[in-house]
Amino acid sequence: MDILNGAVNYDSLVKIVDFMKVSDENLKFIANSNDAVARFVDFFGNCSEIKVCESIVEILDLISLENGAREKLNSLLLKSDKDSLSSFILVLRNGSIKSKIKSAMILESIAVNSESQRKIAEKEGILYELYNLIAVENDRLAIQAGLSALLAISTSRLVRKELIRFGIVKTVGQILSSFDFSSTVRAVIEKALGILEMVATCTEGREAIC
């Protein structure tokens, strides 16, 4: 496919996204191409233009739905010589709400083990931007994605303490009080309660809840 062999820029990335959305066969063709996926990740690690970063996030989000993609993306995105996490921070900070949601979902999907959870959580800025996704945004899907990602990566006591310092207990309380318990927001409520249960495992969290 010529589009995969040419220059990687915004226009070419938009064409690739459109191609992937045409059919499942097209999506699988891209997702199963190790060279193509590695190229997207490599470019993402050096990305500084927000609309280009957002386009790659959309590609990675589509790829992440395929079988075996989580492990492949985990391996590529968290390599020591790549700075993909900084690009995720850029999108979480400056991207559209749609791109922020997709970024949070990708980060959740690649947090497949304790090592990857630690790498993501310890990247300066990631935790705060995911927290902002639930503290600042009013979009239900954004809040749900942020909560899910935080639950996936907040496995250490240090990370939980940092979230408590941010004010996550108060924020989750506001989330719980602002949503009804209808079926459409059930996932948000369940994840918000999961956050409270998680921070309650440390003394600072219990004190903040009380």
Protein backbone atom coordinates (compact mmCIF):
# COMPACT_ATOMS: atom_id res chain seq x y z
CA MET A 1 0.00 0.00 0.00
CA ASP A 2 1.65 3.23 -1.20
CA ILE A 3 0.19 5.32 1.59
CA LEU A 4 2.15 3.33 4.17
CA ASN A 5 5.42 3.75 2.31
CA GLY A 6 5.23 7.50 1.76
CA ALA A 7 5.90 10.44 4.05
CA VAL A 8 4.12 10.45 7.39
CA ASN A 9 2.22 13.73 7.69
CA TYR A 10 -1.23 14.91 8.65
CA ASP A 11 -2.75 14.39 5.20
CA SER A 12 -1.38 10.87 4.84
CA LEU A 13 -2.52 9.95 8.36
CA VAL A 14 -6.06 11.16 7.65
CA LYS A 15 -6.12 8.95 4.55
CA ILE A 16 -4.94 5.97 6.60
CA VAL A 17 -7.68 6.56 9.20
CA ASP A 18 -10.29 6.73 6.45
CA PHE A 19 -8.89 3.55 4.88
CA MET A 20 -9.06 1.69 8.20
CA LYS A 21 -12.67 2.71 8.78
CA VAL A 22 -13.87 1.43 5.41
CA SER A 23 -13.91 -2.24 6.40
CA ASP A 24 -12.73 -4.78 8.96
CA GLU A 25 -10.39 -6.18 6.32
CA ASN A 26 -8.68 -2.82 5.94
CA LEU A 27 -8.37 -2.43 9.70
CA LYS A 28 -6.85 -5.89 10.06
CA PHE A 29 -4.47 -5.19 7.17
CA ILE A 30 -3.00 -2.22 9.04
CA ALA A 31 -3.16 -3.76 12.51
CA ASN A 32 -1.43 -6.95 11.37
CA SER A 33 1.41 -5.07 9.66
CA ASN A 34 4.17 -4.98 12.26
CA ASP A 35 6.18 -2.55 10.16
CA ALA A 36 3.26 -0.14 9.80
CA VAL A 37 2.38 -0.17 13.49
CA ALA A 38 6.03 0.27 14.48
CA ARG A 39 6.29 3.20 12.07
CA PHE A 40 3.25 4.93 13.55
CA VAL A 41 4.59 4.46 17.08
CA ASP A 42 8.04 5.68 16.10
CA PHE A 43 6.58 8.83 14.54
CA PHE A 44 4.29 9.33 17.54
CA GLY A 45 7.30 9.28 19.86
CA ASN A 46 8.72 12.30 18.04
CA CYS A 47 5.43 14.07 17.44
CA SER A 48 5.09 17.74 18.37
CA GLU A 49 2.18 18.93 16.19
CA ILE A 50 -1.10 18.34 17.99
CA LYS A 51 -3.25 17.46 14.98
CA VAL A 52 -0.66 14.92 13.81
CA CYS A 53 -0.48 13.40 17.29
CA GLU A 54 -4.27 13.20 17.39
CA SER A 55 -4.37 11.39 14.05
CA ILE A 56 -1.89 8.79 15.27
CA VAL A 57 -3.90 8.37 18.48
CA GLU A 58 -6.95 7.62 16.34
CA ILE A 59 -4.97 5.02 14.38
CA LEU A 60 -3.64 3.41 17.57
CA ASP A 61 -7.13 3.39 19.06
CA LEU A 62 -8.49 1.51 16.04
CA ILE A 63 -5.58 -0.93 16.15
CA SER A 64 -6.05 -1.55 19.88
CA LEU A 65 -9.40 -3.24 19.20
CA GLU A 66 -7.76 -6.11 17.33
CA ASN A 67 -6.72 -9.41 18.92
CA GLY A 68 -3.20 -9.30 20.31
CA ALA A 69 -2.92 -5.55 19.77
CA ARG A 70 -2.63 -4.68 23.45
CA GLU A 71 0.57 -6.63 23.87
CA LYS A 72 2.01 -5.31 20.59
CA LEU A 73 1.24 -1.69 21.49
CA ASN A 74 2.51 -2.21 25.03
CA SER A 75 5.84 -3.42 23.70
CA LEU A 76 6.21 -0.65 21.13
CA LEU A 77 4.86 2.34 23.06
CA LEU A 78 6.76 1.65 26.27
CA LYS A 79 10.18 0.93 24.78
CA SER A 80 12.91 2.79 26.62
CA ASP A 81 14.11 4.57 23.47
CA LYS A 82 10.66 5.96 22.66
CA ASP A 83 8.99 8.95 24.30
CA SER A 84 5.44 8.04 23.37
CA LEU A 85 4.16 8.93 26.84
CA SER A 86 5.15 12.58 26.31
CA SER A 87 3.03 12.60 23.16
CA PHE A 88 0.10 11.21 25.12
CA ILE A 89 0.58 14.04 27.63
CA LEU A 90 0.50 16.56 24.78
CA VAL A 91 -2.81 15.15 23.51
CA LEU A 92 -4.33 14.91 27.00
CA ARG A 93 -3.34 18.51 27.64
CA ASN A 94 -4.12 20.18 24.30
CA GLY A 95 -6.15 17.77 22.21
CA SER A 96 -9.87 17.57 21.48
CA ILE A 97 -12.11 15.79 23.96
CA LYS A 98 -12.39 12.89 21.51
CA SER A 99 -8.61 12.53 21.34
CA LYS A 100 -8.26 12.80 25.11
CA ILE A 101 -10.74 9.95 25.56
CA LYS A 102 -8.93 7.76 23.04
CA SER A 103 -5.56 8.51 24.68
CA ALA A 104 -6.88 7.48 28.09
CA MET A 105 -8.34 4.30 26.61
CA ILE A 106 -5.03 3.39 24.94
CA LEU A 107 -3.10 3.99 28.15
CA GLU A 108 -5.53 1.75 30.00
CA SER A 109 -5.23 -0.97 27.35
CA ILE A 110 -1.41 -1.07 27.44
CA ALA A 111 -1.25 -1.21 31.24
CA VAL A 112 -1.13 -5.00 30.99
CA ASN A 113 1.25 -5.76 33.87
CA SER A 114 2.92 -4.19 36.89
CA GLU A 115 5.93 -2.98 34.89
CA SER A 116 3.81 -1.14 32.31
CA GLN A 117 1.53 0.26 35.01
CA ARG A 118 4.58 1.64 36.81
CA LYS A 119 6.11 3.13 33.65
CA ILE A 120 2.91 4.93 32.76
CA ALA A 121 2.13 6.18 36.26
CA GLU A 122 5.68 7.38 36.92
CA LYS A 123 5.89 9.43 33.73
CA GLU A 124 5.77 13.03 34.96
CA GLY A 125 2.51 14.66 33.88
CA ILE A 126 0.52 11.54 32.94
CA LEU A 127 -1.20 11.11 36.28
CA TYR A 128 -2.11 14.78 36.51
CA GLU A 129 -3.55 14.96 32.99
CA LEU A 130 -5.64 11.82 33.55
CA TYR A 131 -6.83 13.32 36.81
CA ASN A 132 -7.78 16.52 34.96
CA LEU A 133 -9.84 14.40 32.58
CA ILE A 134 -12.18 13.57 35.46
CA ALA A 135 -11.82 16.85 37.37
CA VAL A 136 -12.19 19.40 34.58
CA GLU A 137 -14.17 17.77 31.78
CA ASN A 138 -17.95 17.43 32.01
CA ASP A 139 -18.24 14.81 29.28
CA ARG A 140 -19.46 11.48 30.68
CA LEU A 141 -17.30 9.39 28.35
CA ALA A 142 -14.23 11.48 29.22
CA ILE A 143 -14.81 10.99 32.93
CA GLN A 144 -15.36 7.25 32.42
CA ALA A 145 -12.17 6.92 30.35
CA GLY A 146 -10.17 8.90 32.89
CA LEU A 147 -11.43 6.84 35.80
CA SER A 148 -10.72 3.60 33.96
CA ALA A 149 -7.17 4.63 33.11
CA LEU A 150 -6.47 5.78 36.67
CA LEU A 151 -7.77 2.50 38.06
CA ALA A 152 -5.54 0.58 35.64
CA ILE A 153 -2.28 2.36 36.52
CA SER A 154 -2.71 3.33 40.18
CA THR A 155 -1.38 0.11 41.64
CA SER A 156 1.28 1.52 43.96
CA ARG A 157 0.86 3.36 47.24
CA LEU A 158 2.95 6.29 45.97
CA VAL A 159 0.64 6.78 43.00
CA ARG A 160 -2.44 6.63 45.22
CA LYS A 161 -0.93 9.20 47.57
CA GLU A 162 -0.27 11.49 44.62
CA LEU A 163 -3.89 11.21 43.50
CA ILE A 164 -5.03 12.00 47.03
CA ARG A 165 -2.80 15.07 46.96
CA PHE A 166 -4.46 16.15 43.71
CA GLY A 167 -7.83 15.99 45.50
CA ILE A 168 -9.26 12.88 43.91
CA VAL A 169 -11.51 12.02 46.86
CA LYS A 170 -13.33 15.35 46.61
CA THR A 171 -13.48 15.08 42.82
CA VAL A 172 -14.97 11.59 42.93
CA GLY A 173 -17.49 12.80 45.51
CA GLN A 174 -18.56 15.53 43.11
CA ILE A 175 -18.85 13.01 40.29
CA LEU A 176 -21.04 10.72 42.39
CA SER A 177 -23.29 13.60 43.44
CA SER A 178 -23.67 14.98 39.91
CA PHE A 179 -24.78 11.78 38.20
CA ASP A 180 -27.99 9.85 38.74
CA PHE A 181 -27.92 6.08 38.94
CA SER A 182 -29.44 5.40 35.53
CA SER A 183 -28.08 2.62 33.35
CA THR A 184 -26.33 5.10 31.02
CA VAL A 185 -23.96 6.27 33.76
CA ARG A 186 -23.66 3.02 35.70
CA ALA A 187 -20.11 2.45 34.45
CA VAL A 188 -19.05 5.91 35.67
CA ILE A 189 -20.56 5.28 39.10
CA GLU A 190 -18.92 1.85 39.38
CA LYS A 191 -15.51 3.20 38.41
CA ALA A 192 -15.85 6.19 40.75
CA LEU A 193 -16.62 3.83 43.62
CA GLY A 194 -13.66 1.72 42.52
CA ILE A 195 -11.40 4.76 42.89
CA LEU A 196 -12.65 5.36 46.43
CA GLU A 197 -12.10 1.71 47.29
CA MET A 198 -8.58 1.92 45.85
CA VAL A 199 -7.49 5.05 47.77
CA ALA A 200 -9.04 3.67 50.95
CA THR A 201 -6.28 1.06 51.04
CA CYS A 202 -3.86 3.67 52.37
CA THR A 203 -4.10 5.77 55.52
CA GLU A 204 -4.15 9.10 53.67
CA GLY A 205 -7.04 7.91 51.54
CA ARG A 206 -9.12 6.79 54.50
CA GLU A 207 -8.49 10.13 56.21
CA ALA A 208 -9.53 12.05 53.08
CA ILE A 209 -12.73 9.99 52.77
CA CYS A 210 -13.63 10.60 56.42
